[in-house]
Amino acid sequence: MEHEDAAKRLSELGNTTRLAIFRYLVKVGPEGIPVGQIQKALGIPGSTLSHHISRLMSVGLIKQDRASRTLYCTAQYAALRELIDFLQSECCAGIAECN
């Protein structure tokens, strides 16, 4: 993962609403959940939710799929793992033992 890509993802997660959306989607699991249920669970107005979902999609943290008339959002676990791996990649570099 490139430094700039990691910074963009972290920046998007630095917003409390987007972080709440992403954490909720991670809890839901790989099957995803309809946008309306996210809105209901988190109490976010529709237009605001749409904006935040768009931002998270732009950095690859979530994706949306349509099934008939319902939009489903799904956390992108590979993107999350990539970000975590990037953050841990140089953990304690040069230190023999790291707690």
C-alpha atoms as a PDB file:
ATOM      1  CA  MET A   1       0.000   0.000   0.000  1.00  0.00           C
ATOM      2  CA  GLU A   2       1.258   3.456  -0.856  1.00  0.00           C
ATOM      3  CA  HIS A   3       1.681   6.046   1.877  1.00  0.00           C
ATOM      4  CA  GLU A   4      -0.721   8.443   0.127  1.00  0.00           C
ATOM      5  CA  ASP A   5      -3.463   5.790  -0.174  1.00  0.00           C
ATOM      6  CA  ALA A   6      -3.168   4.962   3.516  1.00  0.00           C
ATOM      7  CA  ALA A   7      -3.403   8.649   4.394  1.00  0.00           C
ATOM      8  CA  LYS A   8      -6.572   9.031   2.300  1.00  0.00           C
ATOM      9  CA  ARG A   9      -8.243   6.054   3.958  1.00  0.00           C
ATOM     10  CA  LEU A  10      -7.266   7.221   7.413  1.00  0.00           C
ATOM     11  CA  SER A  11      -8.497  10.716   6.599  1.00  0.00           C
ATOM     12  CA  GLU A  12     -11.926   9.395   5.646  1.00  0.00           C
ATOM     13  CA  LEU A  13     -12.069   7.310   8.814  1.00  0.00           C
ATOM     14  CA  GLY A  14     -11.075  10.410  10.797  1.00  0.00           C
ATOM     15  CA  ASN A  15     -14.653  11.664  10.505  1.00  0.00           C
ATOM     16  CA  THR A  16     -16.828  10.356  13.367  1.00  0.00           C
ATOM     17  CA  THR A  17     -19.838   9.649  11.156  1.00  0.00           C
ATOM     18  CA  ARG A  18     -17.827   7.778   8.531  1.00  0.00           C
ATOM     19  CA  LEU A  19     -16.031   5.831  11.241  1.00  0.00           C
ATOM     20  CA  ALA A  20     -19.396   4.841  12.747  1.00  0.00           C
ATOM     21  CA  ILE A  21     -20.688   3.734   9.332  1.00  0.00           C
ATOM     22  CA  PHE A  22     -17.564   1.696   8.607  1.00  0.00           C
ATOM     23  CA  ARG A  23     -17.525   0.053  12.032  1.00  0.00           C
ATOM     24  CA  TYR A  24     -21.207  -0.815  11.657  1.00  0.00           C
ATOM     25  CA  LEU A  25     -20.566  -2.418   8.263  1.00  0.00           C
ATOM     26  CA  VAL A  26     -17.606  -4.375   9.636  1.00  0.00           C
ATOM     27  CA  LYS A  27     -19.880  -5.752  12.380  1.00  0.00           C
ATOM     28  CA  VAL A  28     -22.582  -6.689   9.874  1.00  0.00           C
ATOM     29  CA  GLY A  29     -20.258  -8.981   7.968  1.00  0.00           C
ATOM     30  CA  PRO A  30     -19.494  -9.738   4.343  1.00  0.00           C
ATOM     31  CA  GLU A  31     -23.129 -10.074   3.269  1.00  0.00           C
ATOM     32  CA  GLY A  32     -23.632  -6.310   3.691  1.00  0.00           C
ATOM     33  CA  ILE A  33     -26.766  -4.458   4.661  1.00  0.00           C
ATOM     34  CA  PRO A  34     -29.298  -2.176   2.965  1.00  0.00           C
ATOM     35  CA  VAL A  35     -28.559   1.537   3.157  1.00  0.00           C
ATOM     36  CA  GLY A  36     -31.922   2.113   4.848  1.00  0.00           C
ATOM     37  CA  GLN A  37     -30.924  -0.128   7.730  1.00  0.00           C
ATOM     38  CA  ILE A  38     -27.669   1.779   8.190  1.00  0.00           C
ATOM     39  CA  GLN A  39     -29.663   4.997   8.278  1.00  0.00           C
ATOM     40  CA  LYS A  40     -32.087   3.569  10.822  1.00  0.00           C
ATOM     41  CA  ALA A  41     -29.418   2.012  13.041  1.00  0.00           C
ATOM     42  CA  LEU A  42     -27.184   5.092  13.138  1.00  0.00           C
ATOM     43  CA  GLY A  43     -29.840   7.805  12.877  1.00  0.00           C
ATOM     44  CA  ILE A  44     -28.178   9.576   9.955  1.00  0.00           C
ATOM     45  CA  PRO A  45     -30.315  11.612   7.504  1.00  0.00           C
ATOM     46  CA  GLY A  46     -30.438  10.069   4.017  1.00  0.00           C
ATOM     47  CA  SER A  47     -28.591  12.814   2.163  1.00  0.00           C
ATOM     48  CA  THR A  48     -25.876  12.938   4.796  1.00  0.00           C
ATOM     49  CA  LEU A  49     -25.506   9.166   4.743  1.00  0.00           C
ATOM     50  CA  SER A  50     -25.214   9.185   0.959  1.00  0.00           C
ATOM     51  CA  HIS A  51     -22.400  11.744   1.159  1.00  0.00           C
ATOM     52  CA  HIS A  52     -20.460   9.717   3.730  1.00  0.00           C
ATOM     53  CA  ILE A  53     -20.950   6.441   1.867  1.00  0.00           C
ATOM     54  CA  SER A  54     -19.653   8.105  -1.279  1.00  0.00           C
ATOM     55  CA  ARG A  55     -16.518   9.245   0.552  1.00  0.00           C
ATOM     56  CA  LEU A  56     -15.848   5.768   1.956  1.00  0.00           C
ATOM     57  CA  MET A  57     -16.390   4.235  -1.484  1.00  0.00           C
ATOM     58  CA  SER A  58     -13.965   6.699  -3.063  1.00  0.00           C
ATOM     59  CA  VAL A  59     -11.085   5.252  -1.026  1.00  0.00           C
ATOM     60  CA  GLY A  60     -12.189   1.638  -1.421  1.00  0.00           C
ATOM     61  CA  LEU A  61     -13.266   0.964   2.153  1.00  0.00           C
ATOM     62  CA  ILE A  62     -16.827   0.014   1.224  1.00  0.00           C
ATOM     63  CA  LYS A  63     -18.740  -0.964  -1.872  1.00  0.00           C
ATOM     64  CA  GLN A  64     -22.376  -0.723  -2.889  1.00  0.00           C
ATOM     65  CA  ASP A  65     -24.368  -3.262  -4.836  1.00  0.00           C
ATOM     66  CA  ARG A  66     -27.925  -3.030  -6.051  1.00  0.00           C
ATOM     67  CA  ALA A  67     -30.381  -5.893  -5.654  1.00  0.00           C
ATOM     68  CA  SER A  68     -33.613  -4.879  -7.381  1.00  0.00           C
ATOM     69  CA  ARG A  69     -34.441  -1.522  -5.786  1.00  0.00           C
ATOM     70  CA  THR A  70     -32.294  -1.950  -2.689  1.00  0.00           C
ATOM     71  CA  LEU A  71     -28.735  -0.668  -2.311  1.00  0.00           C
ATOM     72  CA  TYR A  72     -26.505  -2.817  -0.112  1.00  0.00           C
ATOM     73  CA  CYS A  73     -23.293  -1.582   1.465  1.00  0.00           C
ATOM     74  CA  THR A  74     -20.454  -3.914   2.339  1.00  0.00           C
ATOM     75  CA  ALA A  75     -17.191  -3.264   4.147  1.00  0.00           C
ATOM     76  CA  GLN A  76     -14.166  -4.155   2.053  1.00  0.00           C
ATOM     77  CA  TYR A  77     -12.223  -6.369   4.413  1.00  0.00           C
ATOM     78  CA  ALA A  78      -9.241  -6.671   2.078  1.00  0.00           C
ATOM     79  CA  ALA A  79      -8.879  -2.866   2.138  1.00  0.00           C
ATOM     80  CA  LEU A  80      -9.117  -2.878   5.927  1.00  0.00           C
ATOM     81  CA  ARG A  81      -6.499  -5.622   6.189  1.00  0.00           C
ATOM     82  CA  GLU A  82      -4.242  -3.743   3.760  1.00  0.00           C
ATOM     83  CA  LEU A  83      -4.492  -0.599   5.907  1.00  0.00           C
ATOM     84  CA  ILE A  84      -3.819  -2.506   9.126  1.00  0.00           C
ATOM     85  CA  ASP A  85      -0.856  -4.287   7.545  1.00  0.00           C
ATOM     86  CA  PHE A  86       0.518  -0.957   6.329  1.00  0.00           C
ATOM     87  CA  LEU A  87       0.276   0.510   9.831  1.00  0.00           C
ATOM     88  CA  GLN A  88       1.939  -2.535  11.392  1.00  0.00           C
ATOM     89  CA  SER A  89       4.576  -3.048   8.712  1.00  0.00           C
ATOM     90  CA  GLU A  90       7.312  -1.179  10.526  1.00  0.00           C
ATOM     91  CA  CYS A  91       6.129  -1.716  14.060  1.00  0.00           C
ATOM     92  CA  CYS A  92       9.129  -1.751  16.345  1.00  0.00           C
ATOM     93  CA  ALA A  93      11.533  -1.765  13.389  1.00  0.00           C
ATOM     94  CA  GLY A  94      15.006  -2.215  14.700  1.00  0.00           C
ATOM     95  CA  ILE A  95      13.906  -3.374  18.139  1.00  0.00           C
ATOM     96  CA  ALA A  96      14.618  -7.011  18.955  1.00  0.00           C
ATOM     97  CA  GLU A  97      11.585  -7.424  21.207  1.00  0.00           C
ATOM     98  CA  CYS A  98       8.366  -5.532  20.922  1.00  0.00           C
ATOM     99  CA  ASN A  99       5.402  -5.854  23.266  1.00  0.00           C
END
